[in-house]
Amino acid sequence: MDLNPPAGENYANPQICFFHVVFKAAALAFYMLSAFFVDSFVIIFVVTVLLSALDFWVVKNVSGRILVGLRWWNEINEDGESVWKFECLDQESLARMNKKDSWLFWWTLYLTAVVWIFFGIFSLIRFQADYVLAVGVCLILSIANIVGFTKCRKDAKKQLQAFATQNLTSRLSSTIQSAFTVI
């Protein structure tokens, strides 16, 4: 993953990028600034978790599909086992994905989790167990998206390698076959 955004390239989906960032920023900002304006922990907890849940949903169902071409979900099969499901665009479409959109997607995904961890440590140091609970819920939602999209990206790479191997084997087989038919 590149540390700097691609130079000279504009965002292909600025509205999606905006909403990808705005719910993360809203949850973090509300959590950080709410103590100055709100006396009730319940309100702080509910609004922060609601904003974080909206962020989770937007990332999982909208920005992940549009900005990086990936989608994941988890199902429980008949045996009661958890099964991860992954979807990605075809390789041609993935190759056309905007690099700046992708950069923004991945960096904000990871950076948000880091900030929630920082808030959690700060709450532990201040012995605020209730705030640790709020941060924990938000961190779990953030990490769920990180795990889901990371697994999805690895699965997409694995599918690409399998496709390339199958394509190469098929071409090699047809080349060998055509060489023997000439003889």
N, C-alpha and C. Protein backbone atom coordinates (compact mmCIF):
# COMPACT_ATOMS: atom_id res chain seq x y z
N MET A 1 0.85 -1.16 0.00
CA MET A 1 0.00 0.00 0.00
C MET A 1 0.90 1.24 0.00
N ASP A 2 0.61 2.14 -0.92
CA ASP A 2 1.39 3.36 -1.07
C ASP A 2 1.05 4.34 0.04
N LEU A 3 2.07 4.98 0.60
CA LEU A 3 1.86 5.91 1.70
C LEU A 3 1.28 7.25 1.24
N ASN A 4 1.56 7.63 0.02
CA ASN A 4 1.10 8.91 -0.49
C ASN A 4 0.04 8.71 -1.56
N PRO A 5 -0.94 9.61 -1.61
CA PRO A 5 -1.96 9.47 -2.64
C PRO A 5 -1.34 9.72 -4.01
N PRO A 6 -1.86 9.08 -5.06
CA PRO A 6 -1.32 9.29 -6.40
C PRO A 6 -1.39 10.77 -6.78
N ALA A 7 -0.30 11.29 -7.29
CA ALA A 7 -0.25 12.70 -7.66
C ALA A 7 -0.96 12.93 -9.01
N GLY A 8 -1.61 14.05 -9.12
CA GLY A 8 -2.22 14.44 -10.38
C GLY A 8 -3.51 13.72 -10.73
N GLU A 9 -3.94 12.82 -9.92
CA GLU A 9 -5.16 12.06 -10.20
C GLU A 9 -6.28 12.59 -9.31
N ASN A 10 -7.45 12.79 -9.89
CA ASN A 10 -8.60 13.25 -9.11
C ASN A 10 -9.40 12.06 -8.63
N TYR A 11 -10.24 12.32 -7.64
CA TYR A 11 -11.13 11.26 -7.16
C TYR A 11 -12.18 10.98 -8.22
N ALA A 12 -12.41 9.72 -8.51
CA ALA A 12 -13.43 9.35 -9.50
C ALA A 12 -14.83 9.42 -8.89
N ASN A 13 -14.92 9.22 -7.60
CA ASN A 13 -16.21 9.20 -6.90
C ASN A 13 -16.16 10.11 -5.68
N PRO A 14 -16.13 11.42 -5.89
CA PRO A 14 -15.96 12.34 -4.75
C PRO A 14 -17.10 12.27 -3.73
N GLN A 15 -18.34 12.03 -4.17
CA GLN A 15 -19.45 11.95 -3.22
C GLN A 15 -19.30 10.72 -2.33
N ILE A 16 -18.94 9.60 -2.91
CA ILE A 16 -18.75 8.37 -2.14
C ILE A 16 -17.57 8.55 -1.18
N CYS A 17 -16.50 9.17 -1.65
CA CYS A 17 -15.35 9.43 -0.78
C CYS A 17 -15.77 10.32 0.39
N PHE A 18 -16.59 11.32 0.11
CA PHE A 18 -17.07 12.21 1.16
C PHE A 18 -17.82 11.43 2.23
N PHE A 19 -18.78 10.60 1.82
CA PHE A 19 -19.56 9.84 2.80
C PHE A 19 -18.73 8.75 3.47
N HIS A 20 -17.72 8.25 2.77
CA HIS A 20 -16.82 7.27 3.39
C HIS A 20 -16.09 7.90 4.58
N VAL A 21 -15.73 9.16 4.42
CA VAL A 21 -14.98 9.86 5.46
C VAL A 21 -15.89 10.52 6.49
N VAL A 22 -17.04 11.04 6.06
CA VAL A 22 -17.86 11.88 6.95
C VAL A 22 -18.41 11.11 8.16
N PHE A 23 -18.84 9.87 7.98
CA PHE A 23 -19.37 9.12 9.12
C PHE A 23 -18.27 8.74 10.10
N LYS A 24 -17.08 8.43 9.58
CA LYS A 24 -15.94 8.15 10.46
C LYS A 24 -15.62 9.40 11.28
N ALA A 25 -15.49 10.52 10.57
CA ALA A 25 -15.15 11.78 11.22
C ALA A 25 -16.24 12.20 12.21
N ALA A 26 -17.50 12.00 11.84
CA ALA A 26 -18.62 12.39 12.72
C ALA A 26 -18.59 11.58 14.01
N ALA A 27 -18.38 10.28 13.91
CA ALA A 27 -18.34 9.44 15.11
C ALA A 27 -17.16 9.83 16.00
N LEU A 28 -16.01 10.00 15.39
CA LEU A 28 -14.82 10.36 16.17
C LEU A 28 -14.96 11.76 16.78
N ALA A 29 -15.43 12.70 15.99
CA ALA A 29 -15.58 14.08 16.48
C ALA A 29 -16.64 14.17 17.57
N PHE A 30 -17.76 13.48 17.37
CA PHE A 30 -18.81 13.54 18.39
C PHE A 30 -18.30 12.95 19.70
N TYR A 31 -17.62 11.80 19.60
CA TYR A 31 -17.08 11.17 20.82
C TYR A 31 -16.10 12.11 21.52
N MET A 32 -15.22 12.71 20.74
CA MET A 32 -14.17 13.54 21.31
C MET A 32 -14.73 14.85 21.89
N LEU A 33 -15.70 15.46 21.23
CA LEU A 33 -16.18 16.77 21.64
C LEU A 33 -17.45 16.74 22.50
N SER A 34 -18.10 15.61 22.56
CA SER A 34 -19.39 15.53 23.26
C SER A 34 -19.30 15.83 24.75
N ALA A 35 -18.18 15.50 25.35
CA ALA A 35 -18.04 15.75 26.79
C ALA A 35 -18.15 17.23 27.13
N PHE A 36 -17.82 18.09 26.17
CA PHE A 36 -17.93 19.54 26.39
C PHE A 36 -19.37 20.04 26.35
N PHE A 37 -20.24 19.31 25.63
CA PHE A 37 -21.59 19.81 25.39
C PHE A 37 -22.71 18.96 25.98
N VAL A 38 -22.41 17.69 26.27
CA VAL A 38 -23.44 16.75 26.74
C VAL A 38 -23.01 16.16 28.08
N ASP A 39 -23.95 16.17 29.04
CA ASP A 39 -23.64 15.62 30.36
C ASP A 39 -24.00 14.14 30.48
N SER A 40 -24.82 13.62 29.61
CA SER A 40 -25.33 12.27 29.73
C SER A 40 -24.47 11.27 28.94
N PHE A 41 -23.90 10.29 29.63
CA PHE A 41 -23.12 9.25 28.96
C PHE A 41 -24.00 8.45 28.00
N VAL A 42 -25.25 8.23 28.36
CA VAL A 42 -26.16 7.44 27.52
C VAL A 42 -26.29 8.09 26.15
N ILE A 43 -26.47 9.39 26.12
CA ILE A 43 -26.59 10.10 24.84
C ILE A 43 -25.28 10.00 24.06
N ILE A 44 -24.18 10.19 24.74
CA ILE A 44 -22.88 10.08 24.09
C ILE A 44 -22.70 8.68 23.50
N PHE A 45 -23.02 7.66 24.29
CA PHE A 45 -22.89 6.27 23.84
C PHE A 45 -23.77 6.00 22.63
N VAL A 46 -25.04 6.35 22.73
CA VAL A 46 -25.99 6.03 21.65
C VAL A 46 -25.62 6.75 20.36
N VAL A 47 -25.34 8.04 20.44
CA VAL A 47 -25.03 8.80 19.22
C VAL A 47 -23.71 8.33 18.61
N THR A 48 -22.70 8.11 19.44
CA THR A 48 -21.40 7.66 18.93
C THR A 48 -21.53 6.29 18.27
N VAL A 49 -22.22 5.37 18.91
CA VAL A 49 -22.38 4.03 18.34
C VAL A 49 -23.26 4.08 17.08
N LEU A 50 -24.27 4.91 17.08
CA LEU A 50 -25.12 5.06 15.90
C LEU A 50 -24.30 5.59 14.72
N LEU A 51 -23.50 6.61 14.94
CA LEU A 51 -22.66 7.15 13.87
C LEU A 51 -21.64 6.11 13.40
N SER A 52 -21.09 5.36 14.33
CA SER A 52 -20.14 4.31 13.97
C SER A 52 -20.82 3.18 13.19
N ALA A 53 -22.05 2.86 13.58
CA ALA A 53 -22.82 1.84 12.85
C ALA A 53 -23.15 2.31 11.43
N LEU A 54 -23.49 3.59 11.29
CA LEU A 54 -23.73 4.15 9.95
C LEU A 54 -22.46 4.08 9.12
N ASP A 55 -21.33 4.38 9.73
CA ASP A 55 -20.05 4.26 9.04
C ASP A 55 -19.81 2.81 8.61
N PHE A 56 -20.04 1.87 9.50
CA PHE A 56 -19.87 0.45 9.18
C PHE A 56 -20.71 0.07 7.97
N TRP A 57 -21.98 0.48 7.98
CA TRP A 57 -22.88 0.13 6.89
C TRP A 57 -22.46 0.77 5.58
N VAL A 58 -22.10 2.05 5.61
CA VAL A 58 -21.68 2.76 4.39
C VAL A 58 -20.42 2.11 3.81
N VAL A 59 -19.46 1.81 4.65
CA VAL A 59 -18.21 1.21 4.17
C VAL A 59 -18.48 -0.18 3.61
N LYS A 60 -19.21 -0.98 4.35
CA LYS A 60 -19.45 -2.38 3.95
C LYS A 60 -20.30 -2.49 2.69
N ASN A 61 -21.32 -1.65 2.57
CA ASN A 61 -22.29 -1.82 1.49
C ASN A 61 -22.19 -0.83 0.35
N VAL A 62 -21.50 0.28 0.54
CA VAL A 62 -21.44 1.28 -0.53
C VAL A 62 -20.01 1.58 -0.94
N SER A 63 -19.24 2.19 -0.03
CA SER A 63 -17.91 2.65 -0.45
C SER A 63 -16.96 1.50 -0.78
N GLY A 64 -17.07 0.38 -0.11
CA GLY A 64 -16.23 -0.76 -0.44
C GLY A 64 -16.46 -1.26 -1.86
N ARG A 65 -17.71 -1.31 -2.26
CA ARG A 65 -18.04 -1.74 -3.62
C ARG A 65 -17.56 -0.74 -4.67
N ILE A 66 -17.81 0.54 -4.41
CA ILE A 66 -17.54 1.54 -5.43
C ILE A 66 -16.07 1.97 -5.46
N LEU A 67 -15.46 2.15 -4.30
CA LEU A 67 -14.10 2.68 -4.28
C LEU A 67 -13.03 1.62 -4.53
N VAL A 68 -13.25 0.38 -4.07
CA VAL A 68 -12.23 -0.66 -4.27
C VAL A 68 -12.78 -1.92 -4.95
N GLY A 69 -14.06 -1.93 -5.26
CA GLY A 69 -14.64 -3.06 -5.99
C GLY A 69 -14.76 -4.34 -5.20
N LEU A 70 -14.84 -4.22 -3.88
CA LEU A 70 -14.92 -5.41 -3.03
C LEU A 70 -16.18 -5.38 -2.19
N ARG A 71 -16.67 -6.57 -1.85
CA ARG A 71 -17.83 -6.70 -0.98
C ARG A 71 -17.68 -7.99 -0.18
N TRP A 72 -18.05 -7.94 1.08
CA TRP A 72 -17.97 -9.13 1.93
C TRP A 72 -19.22 -9.23 2.80
N TRP A 73 -19.50 -10.43 3.23
CA TRP A 73 -20.54 -10.66 4.21
C TRP A 73 -20.28 -12.00 4.86
N ASN A 74 -20.98 -12.24 5.93
CA ASN A 74 -20.78 -13.44 6.72
C ASN A 74 -22.13 -14.13 6.88
N GLU A 75 -22.16 -15.42 6.63
CA GLU A 75 -23.39 -16.20 6.78
C GLU A 75 -23.15 -17.35 7.75
N ILE A 76 -24.23 -17.82 8.32
CA ILE A 76 -24.18 -19.02 9.16
C ILE A 76 -24.80 -20.16 8.36
N ASN A 77 -24.02 -21.24 8.14
CA ASN A 77 -24.56 -22.35 7.35
C ASN A 77 -25.43 -23.26 8.21
N GLU A 78 -25.92 -24.34 7.60
CA GLU A 78 -26.83 -25.26 8.29
C GLU A 78 -26.21 -25.90 9.53
N ASP A 79 -24.88 -26.05 9.53
CA ASP A 79 -24.18 -26.66 10.66
C ASP A 79 -23.90 -25.66 11.78
N GLY A 80 -24.31 -24.40 11.59
CA GLY A 80 -24.08 -23.37 12.59
C GLY A 80 -22.69 -22.75 12.51
N GLU A 81 -21.97 -23.03 11.43
CA GLU A 81 -20.63 -22.48 11.27
C GLU A 81 -20.69 -21.16 10.52
N SER A 82 -19.80 -20.27 10.89
CA SER A 82 -19.70 -18.98 10.24
C SER A 82 -18.92 -19.13 8.93
N VAL A 83 -19.50 -18.62 7.83
CA VAL A 83 -18.87 -18.73 6.52
C VAL A 83 -18.72 -17.33 5.93
N TRP A 84 -17.48 -16.97 5.59
CA TRP A 84 -17.22 -15.68 4.97
C TRP A 84 -17.50 -15.79 3.48
N LYS A 85 -18.17 -14.80 2.94
CA LYS A 85 -18.46 -14.73 1.51
C LYS A 85 -17.81 -13.47 0.96
N PHE A 86 -17.18 -13.59 -0.21
CA PHE A 86 -16.49 -12.46 -0.81
C PHE A 86 -16.95 -12.27 -2.25
N GLU A 87 -16.96 -11.03 -2.66
CA GLU A 87 -17.31 -10.68 -4.02
C GLU A 87 -16.35 -9.60 -4.47
N CYS A 88 -15.90 -9.69 -5.71
CA CYS A 88 -15.08 -8.60 -6.24
C CYS A 88 -15.40 -8.42 -7.71
N LEU A 89 -15.09 -7.26 -8.22
CA LEU A 89 -15.29 -6.99 -9.63
C LEU A 89 -14.36 -7.87 -10.45
N ASP A 90 -14.65 -7.99 -11.74
CA ASP A 90 -13.75 -8.75 -12.59
C ASP A 90 -12.41 -8.01 -12.68
N GLN A 91 -11.38 -8.70 -13.10
CA GLN A 91 -10.03 -8.16 -13.07
C GLN A 91 -9.87 -6.93 -13.95
N GLU A 92 -10.57 -6.89 -15.05
CA GLU A 92 -10.50 -5.72 -15.94
C GLU A 92 -11.07 -4.49 -15.24
N SER A 93 -12.19 -4.66 -14.54
CA SER A 93 -12.80 -3.54 -13.81
C SER A 93 -11.93 -3.12 -12.63
N LEU A 94 -11.35 -4.10 -11.93
CA LEU A 94 -10.46 -3.78 -10.80
C LEU A 94 -9.24 -2.99 -11.27
N ALA A 95 -8.73 -3.32 -12.45
CA ALA A 95 -7.56 -2.61 -12.97
C ALA A 95 -7.89 -1.15 -13.29
N ARG A 96 -9.17 -0.87 -13.57
CA ARG A 96 -9.58 0.50 -13.89
C ARG A 96 -9.98 1.31 -12.65
N MET A 97 -9.93 0.71 -11.48
CA MET A 97 -10.31 1.43 -10.26
C MET A 97 -9.39 2.63 -10.05
N ASN A 98 -9.95 3.70 -9.54
CA ASN A 98 -9.20 4.92 -9.29
C ASN A 98 -8.26 4.72 -8.11
N LYS A 99 -6.98 5.00 -8.32
CA LYS A 99 -5.97 4.77 -7.27
C LYS A 99 -6.16 5.70 -6.08
N LYS A 100 -6.60 6.93 -6.34
CA LYS A 100 -6.79 7.88 -5.24
C LYS A 100 -7.98 7.46 -4.38
N ASP A 101 -9.06 6.98 -5.01
CA ASP A 101 -10.21 6.46 -4.26
C ASP A 101 -9.79 5.28 -3.39
N SER A 102 -9.02 4.38 -3.98
CA SER A 102 -8.56 3.20 -3.25
C SER A 102 -7.66 3.60 -2.08
N TRP A 103 -6.76 4.53 -2.33
CA TRP A 103 -5.86 5.01 -1.28
C TRP A 103 -6.67 5.58 -0.12
N LEU A 104 -7.63 6.44 -0.41
CA LEU A 104 -8.48 7.03 0.63
C LEU A 104 -9.24 5.96 1.41
N PHE A 105 -9.78 5.00 0.69
CA PHE A 105 -10.55 3.92 1.32
C PHE A 105 -9.70 3.18 2.36
N TRP A 106 -8.54 2.68 1.93
CA TRP A 106 -7.73 1.84 2.82
C TRP A 106 -7.14 2.63 3.97
N TRP A 107 -6.63 3.84 3.72
CA TRP A 107 -6.00 4.61 4.79
C TRP A 107 -7.00 5.06 5.84
N THR A 108 -8.17 5.50 5.42
CA THR A 108 -9.16 5.92 6.42
C THR A 108 -9.69 4.72 7.19
N LEU A 109 -9.77 3.57 6.54
CA LEU A 109 -10.22 2.36 7.22
C LEU A 109 -9.28 2.01 8.38
N TYR A 110 -7.99 1.99 8.10
CA TYR A 110 -7.00 1.65 9.14
C TYR A 110 -6.81 2.78 10.15
N LEU A 111 -6.78 4.01 9.67
CA LEU A 111 -6.54 5.14 10.56
C LEU A 111 -7.65 5.29 11.60
N THR A 112 -8.89 5.04 11.19
CA THR A 112 -10.01 5.12 12.13
C THR A 112 -9.84 4.14 13.28
N ALA A 113 -9.44 2.91 12.97
CA ALA A 113 -9.21 1.92 14.03
C ALA A 113 -8.10 2.36 14.97
N VAL A 114 -7.05 2.94 14.43
CA VAL A 114 -5.94 3.42 15.26
C VAL A 114 -6.42 4.51 16.21
N VAL A 115 -7.25 5.42 15.71
CA VAL A 115 -7.77 6.49 16.57
C VAL A 115 -8.67 5.93 17.66
N TRP A 116 -9.52 4.94 17.32
CA TRP A 116 -10.38 4.32 18.34
C TRP A 116 -9.52 3.62 19.39
N ILE A 117 -8.44 2.99 18.99
CA ILE A 117 -7.53 2.35 19.96
C ILE A 117 -6.94 3.41 20.88
N PHE A 118 -6.52 4.53 20.31
CA PHE A 118 -5.99 5.63 21.11
C PHE A 118 -7.03 6.11 22.13
N PHE A 119 -8.28 6.30 21.68
CA PHE A 119 -9.35 6.72 22.60
C PHE A 119 -9.58 5.67 23.69
N GLY A 120 -9.50 4.40 23.33
CA GLY A 120 -9.68 3.33 24.31
C GLY A 120 -8.59 3.35 25.37
N ILE A 121 -7.35 3.53 24.95
CA ILE A 121 -6.25 3.61 25.91
C ILE A 121 -6.43 4.81 26.82
N PHE A 122 -6.81 5.93 26.24
CA PHE A 122 -7.03 7.15 27.02
C PHE A 122 -8.14 6.94 28.05
N SER A 123 -9.22 6.24 27.65
CA SER A 123 -10.31 5.96 28.58
C SER A 123 -9.87 5.02 29.70
N LEU A 124 -9.03 4.04 29.37
CA LEU A 124 -8.50 3.13 30.39
C LEU A 124 -7.62 3.87 31.39
N ILE A 125 -6.79 4.74 30.88
CA ILE A 125 -5.91 5.52 31.76
C ILE A 125 -6.72 6.38 32.72
N ARG A 126 -7.84 6.91 32.24
CA ARG A 126 -8.68 7.77 33.07
C ARG A 126 -9.69 6.97 33.91
N PHE A 127 -9.63 5.63 33.83
CA PHE A 127 -10.53 4.74 34.57
C PHE A 127 -12.00 5.02 34.26
N GLN A 128 -12.31 5.20 32.98
CA GLN A 128 -13.68 5.43 32.54
C GLN A 128 -14.18 4.18 31.80
N ALA A 129 -14.63 3.21 32.57
CA ALA A 129 -15.04 1.93 31.99
C ALA A 129 -16.21 2.09 31.03
N ASP A 130 -17.13 3.00 31.33
CA ASP A 130 -18.27 3.19 30.43
C ASP A 130 -17.82 3.71 29.07
N TYR A 131 -16.85 4.59 29.04
CA TYR A 131 -16.35 5.10 27.77
C TYR A 131 -15.54 4.03 27.04
N VAL A 132 -14.89 3.15 27.77
CA VAL A 132 -14.19 2.02 27.14
C VAL A 132 -15.20 1.15 26.40
N LEU A 133 -16.38 0.99 26.98
CA LEU A 133 -17.43 0.21 26.32
C LEU A 133 -17.84 0.87 25.00
N ALA A 134 -18.05 2.17 25.00
CA ALA A 134 -18.44 2.88 23.78
C ALA A 134 -17.35 2.76 22.72
N VAL A 135 -16.11 2.96 23.14
CA VAL A 135 -14.99 2.85 22.21
C VAL A 135 -14.86 1.42 21.71
N GLY A 136 -15.07 0.45 22.60
CA GLY A 136 -14.97 -0.96 22.21
C GLY A 136 -15.96 -1.33 21.12
N VAL A 137 -17.19 -0.86 21.24
CA VAL A 137 -18.20 -1.15 20.21
C VAL A 137 -17.76 -0.54 18.87
N CYS A 138 -17.33 0.71 18.91
CA CYS A 138 -16.89 1.39 17.68
C CYS A 138 -15.65 0.72 17.09
N LEU A 139 -14.74 0.30 17.94
CA LEU A 139 -13.53 -0.38 17.47
C LEU A 139 -13.88 -1.73 16.85
N ILE A 140 -14.79 -2.46 17.44
CA ILE A 140 -15.20 -3.76 16.89
C ILE A 140 -15.81 -3.58 15.50
N LEU A 141 -16.66 -2.57 15.33
CA LEU A 141 -17.24 -2.31 14.00
C LEU A 141 -16.16 -1.95 12.99
N SER A 142 -15.22 -1.15 13.41
CA SER A 142 -14.12 -0.74 12.53
C SER A 142 -13.24 -1.94 12.16
N ILE A 143 -12.91 -2.76 13.14
CA ILE A 143 -12.07 -3.93 12.89
C ILE A 143 -12.81 -4.97 12.03
N ALA A 144 -14.11 -5.09 12.21
CA ALA A 144 -14.88 -6.02 11.38
C ALA A 144 -14.74 -5.66 9.90
N ASN A 145 -14.82 -4.37 9.58
CA ASN A 145 -14.64 -3.95 8.19
C ASN A 145 -13.20 -4.19 7.72
N ILE A 146 -12.24 -3.94 8.58
CA ILE A 146 -10.84 -4.18 8.20
C ILE A 146 -10.63 -5.66 7.89
N VAL A 147 -11.09 -6.53 8.77
CA VAL A 147 -10.92 -7.97 8.56
C VAL A 147 -11.67 -8.42 7.30
N GLY A 148 -12.92 -7.98 7.16
CA GLY A 148 -13.71 -8.37 6.00
C GLY A 148 -13.09 -7.94 4.70
N PHE A 149 -12.69 -6.69 4.58
CA PHE A 149 -12.12 -6.20 3.33
C PHE A 149 -10.72 -6.74 3.08
N THR A 150 -9.94 -6.97 4.13
CA THR A 150 -8.61 -7.56 3.95
C THR A 150 -8.73 -8.98 3.44
N LYS A 151 -9.63 -9.76 4.04
CA LYS A 151 -9.85 -11.13 3.57
C LYS A 151 -10.39 -11.12 2.13
N CYS A 152 -11.26 -10.18 1.85
CA CYS A 152 -11.84 -10.08 0.51
C CYS A 152 -10.75 -9.75 -0.52
N ARG A 153 -9.85 -8.83 -0.17
CA ARG A 153 -8.77 -8.46 -1.08
C ARG A 153 -7.85 -9.65 -1.33
N LYS A 154 -7.55 -10.42 -0.27
CA LYS A 154 -6.70 -11.61 -0.42
C LYS A 154 -7.40 -12.65 -1.29
N ASP A 155 -8.71 -12.82 -1.10
CA ASP A 155 -9.47 -13.76 -1.90
C ASP A 155 -9.48 -13.32 -3.37
N ALA A 156 -9.60 -12.02 -3.62
CA ALA A 156 -9.58 -11.51 -4.99
C ALA A 156 -8.23 -11.79 -5.65
N LYS A 157 -7.14 -11.61 -4.90
CA LYS A 157 -5.81 -11.90 -5.44
C LYS A 157 -5.65 -13.39 -5.74
N LYS A 158 -6.19 -14.21 -4.84
CA LYS A 158 -6.14 -15.66 -5.04
C LYS A 158 -6.92 -16.06 -6.30
N GLN A 159 -8.09 -15.45 -6.48
CA GLN A 159 -8.89 -15.73 -7.69
C GLN A 159 -8.16 -15.29 -8.95
N LEU A 160 -7.48 -14.15 -8.88
CA LEU A 160 -6.71 -13.67 -10.03
C LEU A 160 -5.59 -14.63 -10.36
N GLN A 161 -4.88 -15.13 -9.34
CA GLN A 161 -3.81 -16.09 -9.58
C GLN A 161 -4.35 -17.39 -10.17
N ALA A 162 -5.48 -17.86 -9.67
CA ALA A 162 -6.09 -19.08 -10.19
C ALA A 162 -6.51 -18.89 -11.64
N PHE A 163 -7.10 -17.72 -11.94
CA PHE A 163 -7.52 -17.43 -13.31
C PHE A 163 -6.31 -17.38 -14.24
N ALA A 164 -5.24 -16.72 -13.79
CA ALA A 164 -4.03 -16.61 -14.62
C ALA A 164 -3.42 -17.98 -14.85
N THR A 165 -3.36 -18.80 -13.82
CA THR A 165 -2.82 -20.15 -13.95
C THR A 165 -3.66 -20.98 -14.90
N GLN A 166 -4.97 -20.90 -14.75
CA GLN A 166 -5.88 -21.65 -15.63
C GLN A 166 -5.74 -21.17 -17.07
N ASN A 167 -5.65 -19.89 -17.27
CA ASN A 167 -5.52 -19.31 -18.61
C ASN A 167 -4.20 -19.73 -19.24
N LEU A 168 -3.11 -19.68 -18.47
CA LEU A 168 -1.80 -20.07 -18.96
C LEU A 168 -1.78 -21.56 -19.30
N THR A 169 -2.34 -22.38 -18.44
CA THR A 169 -2.40 -23.82 -18.68
C THR A 169 -3.21 -24.12 -19.94
N SER A 170 -4.31 -23.43 -20.10
CA SER A 170 -5.17 -23.63 -21.27
C SER A 170 -4.44 -23.24 -22.55
N ARG A 171 -3.75 -22.13 -22.53
CA ARG A 171 -3.01 -21.67 -23.72
C ARG A 171 -1.85 -22.62 -24.03
N LEU A 172 -1.15 -23.04 -22.99
CA LEU A 172 -0.04 -23.96 -23.18
C LEU A 172 -0.54 -25.29 -23.75
N SER A 173 -1.66 -25.76 -23.23
CA SER A 173 -2.25 -27.01 -23.71
C SER A 173 -2.66 -26.89 -25.17
N SER A 174 -3.30 -25.79 -25.54
CA SER A 174 -3.72 -25.63 -26.93
C SER A 174 -2.53 -25.45 -27.85
N THR A 175 -1.45 -24.81 -27.36
CA THR A 175 -0.24 -24.66 -28.18
C THR A 175 0.40 -26.01 -28.42
N ILE A 176 0.50 -26.82 -27.39
CA ILE A 176 1.07 -28.16 -27.52
C ILE A 176 0.21 -29.01 -28.44
N GLN A 177 -1.09 -28.91 -28.27
CA GLN A 177 -2.03 -29.67 -29.09
C GLN A 177 -1.91 -29.28 -30.54
N SER A 178 -1.82 -27.99 -30.82
CA SER A 178 -1.71 -27.54 -32.21
C SER A 178 -0.34 -27.92 -32.79
N ALA A 179 0.70 -27.99 -31.98
CA ALA A 179 2.01 -28.40 -32.45
C ALA A 179 1.99 -29.86 -32.88
N PHE A 180 1.26 -30.71 -32.13
CA PHE A 180 1.19 -32.13 -32.50
C PHE A 180 0.27 -32.39 -33.67
N THR A 181 -0.71 -31.52 -33.89
CA THR A 181 -1.59 -31.73 -35.04
C THR A 181 -0.89 -31.35 -36.33
N VAL A 182 0.13 -30.50 -36.29
CA VAL A 182 0.88 -30.12 -37.47
C VAL A 182 1.79 -31.27 -37.90
N ILE A 183 2.28 -32.02 -36.91
CA ILE A 183 3.22 -33.11 -37.20
C ILE A 183 2.55 -34.26 -37.85
